[in-house]
Amino acid sequence: MTKLILNNLDYLRIQKSIEEAKKIRSISQGEAESLMKELNSAEIVEPEKIPSNVVTMNSEVKISFLDTGKQIQFKIVYPREATFKENKISIFSPIATALIGYQVGDEVEWIVPAGLTRIRIDDIVYQPEASGDYNL
């Protein structure tokens, strides 16, 4: 399995978002623990050191569902910026949690209501770090 890579700003901001969400009970303890487990397994680097093929916060990602071949595109954002109409998905959503820190070409297992499914990261349409936007 690929080693997850996160930039240190994303790591700290996601941690802060989790703590805020726990206070207002907008994230369950289980969801918080799952996301923190992912974060803590990652290699943490400076934003300038993030490879351009890694999914980061504010990345616009194109993925495929390997069982159906369906492809979708969305942006991974902090909870307060999430809006389904604009395809902006919260980092607290299971699919965003499953993708953060992985690279183009990686296949990730994701649990949906119908069971386990596999998704592949096909492309990163936009990644802030690759564009020199290190503080998004």
Protein backbone atom coordinates (compact mmCIF):
# COMPACT_ATOMS: atom_id res chain seq x y z
CA MET A 1 0.00 0.00 0.00
CA THR A 2 1.16 3.51 -0.76
CA LYS A 3 2.40 5.62 2.14
CA LEU A 4 0.04 8.55 2.76
CA ILE A 5 1.56 12.02 2.42
CA LEU A 6 0.08 15.16 3.99
CA ASN A 7 1.35 18.68 4.22
CA ASN A 8 1.74 19.99 7.75
CA LEU A 9 -0.81 22.81 7.27
CA ASP A 10 -3.52 20.36 6.14
CA TYR A 11 -2.65 18.04 9.02
CA LEU A 12 -3.03 20.80 11.63
CA ARG A 13 -6.17 22.28 10.05
CA ILE A 14 -7.89 18.91 9.77
CA GLN A 15 -7.04 18.16 13.41
CA LYS A 16 -8.52 21.53 14.41
CA SER A 17 -11.66 20.85 12.34
CA ILE A 18 -12.08 17.48 14.06
CA GLU A 19 -11.78 19.06 17.52
CA GLU A 20 -14.32 21.77 16.62
CA ALA A 21 -16.71 19.21 15.14
CA LYS A 22 -16.48 17.00 18.22
CA LYS A 23 -17.39 19.97 20.45
CA ILE A 24 -20.58 20.65 18.50
CA ARG A 25 -21.19 16.94 17.88
CA SER A 26 -21.22 17.24 14.09
CA ILE A 27 -18.85 14.27 13.82
CA SER A 28 -19.18 10.99 15.66
CA GLN A 29 -16.41 9.67 17.86
CA GLY A 30 -15.95 6.76 15.42
CA GLU A 31 -15.63 9.05 12.41
CA ALA A 32 -13.17 11.27 14.28
CA GLU A 33 -11.06 8.28 15.30
CA SER A 34 -11.06 6.88 11.77
CA LEU A 35 -9.90 10.17 10.28
CA MET A 36 -7.25 10.67 12.98
CA LYS A 37 -5.96 7.14 12.35
CA GLU A 38 -5.52 8.04 8.66
CA LEU A 39 -3.81 11.32 9.52
CA ASN A 40 -1.46 9.74 12.03
CA SER A 41 -0.35 7.07 9.56
CA ALA A 42 0.79 9.71 7.05
CA GLU A 43 4.19 11.16 6.33
CA ILE A 44 3.92 14.87 7.21
CA VAL A 45 5.89 17.27 4.98
CA GLU A 46 6.11 20.98 4.21
CA PRO A 47 3.53 22.13 1.61
CA GLU A 48 6.34 22.85 -0.89
CA LYS A 49 7.45 19.19 -0.66
CA ILE A 50 4.08 17.64 -1.59
CA PRO A 51 4.30 15.76 -4.91
CA SER A 52 1.83 17.08 -7.49
CA ASN A 53 0.12 13.66 -7.78
CA VAL A 54 -1.02 13.51 -4.11
CA VAL A 55 -4.59 14.32 -3.02
CA THR A 56 -4.51 17.25 -0.58
CA MET A 57 -7.11 19.56 0.91
CA ASN A 58 -8.73 21.75 -1.76
CA SER A 59 -7.67 19.30 -4.48
CA GLU A 60 -10.10 18.66 -7.29
CA VAL A 61 -10.02 14.91 -7.86
CA LYS A 62 -11.32 12.62 -10.60
CA ILE A 63 -12.01 9.05 -9.47
CA SER A 64 -13.47 5.86 -10.95
CA PHE A 65 -15.55 3.21 -9.22
CA LEU A 66 -13.82 0.02 -10.35
CA ASP A 67 -16.91 -2.19 -10.02
CA THR A 68 -19.08 0.02 -12.29
CA GLY A 69 -16.57 2.11 -14.25
CA LYS A 70 -18.48 5.26 -13.23
CA GLN A 71 -16.26 8.34 -12.97
CA ILE A 72 -16.92 11.40 -10.81
CA GLN A 73 -15.07 14.61 -10.02
CA PHE A 74 -15.20 16.68 -6.84
CA LYS A 75 -13.19 18.99 -4.60
CA ILE A 76 -12.15 18.02 -1.05
CA VAL A 77 -12.83 20.90 1.34
CA TYR A 78 -13.21 21.72 5.03
CA PRO A 79 -16.72 21.11 6.43
CA ARG A 80 -17.80 24.77 6.43
CA GLU A 81 -17.08 25.00 2.66
CA ALA A 82 -18.85 21.79 1.63
CA THR A 83 -21.70 22.14 -0.83
CA PHE A 84 -23.10 19.27 -2.85
CA LYS A 85 -24.34 21.55 -5.66
CA GLU A 86 -20.77 22.67 -6.37
CA ASN A 87 -19.27 19.17 -5.94
CA LYS A 88 -17.38 20.27 -2.83
CA ILE A 89 -17.11 17.31 -0.46
CA SER A 90 -16.22 17.64 3.24
CA ILE A 91 -13.03 16.00 4.50
CA PHE A 92 -15.36 14.39 7.07
CA SER A 93 -17.15 12.42 4.34
CA PRO A 94 -16.02 8.80 4.09
CA ILE A 95 -14.89 9.17 0.48
CA ALA A 96 -12.71 12.22 1.21
CA THR A 97 -11.24 10.50 4.28
CA ALA A 98 -10.47 7.49 2.09
CA LEU A 99 -8.65 9.58 -0.54
CA ILE A 100 -6.68 12.22 1.35
CA GLY A 101 -2.93 11.64 1.09
CA TYR A 102 -3.14 9.04 -1.68
CA GLN A 103 -1.70 9.41 -5.18
CA VAL A 104 -2.97 9.30 -8.76
CA GLY A 105 -3.24 5.66 -9.79
CA ASP A 106 -3.81 4.39 -6.24
CA GLU A 107 -6.75 2.08 -5.66
CA VAL A 108 -8.57 2.58 -2.37
CA GLU A 109 -11.24 0.47 -0.69
CA TRP A 110 -14.24 2.43 0.49
CA ILE A 111 -17.21 1.17 2.50
CA VAL A 112 -20.57 2.33 1.16
CA PRO A 113 -24.04 1.36 2.44
CA ALA A 114 -24.12 -1.53 -0.05
CA GLY A 115 -20.75 -2.82 1.16
CA LEU A 116 -17.12 -2.59 0.14
CA THR A 117 -16.22 -0.93 -3.16
CA ARG A 118 -12.91 -0.07 -4.79
CA ILE A 119 -12.10 3.31 -6.28
CA ARG A 120 -9.12 4.50 -8.30
CA ILE A 121 -7.72 8.01 -8.30
CA ASP A 122 -7.60 8.82 -12.02
CA ASP A 123 -6.45 12.43 -11.99
CA ILE A 124 -5.93 15.49 -9.86
CA VAL A 125 -7.46 18.29 -11.91
CA TYR A 126 -6.23 20.91 -9.44
CA GLN A 127 -3.91 20.65 -6.45
CA PRO A 128 -3.13 23.87 -4.55
CA GLU A 129 0.48 22.96 -3.82
CA ALA A 130 1.23 22.18 -7.47
CA SER A 131 -0.13 25.63 -8.34
CA GLY A 132 1.97 27.36 -5.69
CA ASP A 133 -1.03 27.97 -3.42
CA TYR A 134 0.56 26.76 -0.19
CA ASN A 135 -1.83 28.42 2.27
CA LEU A 136 -5.27 27.28 1.07
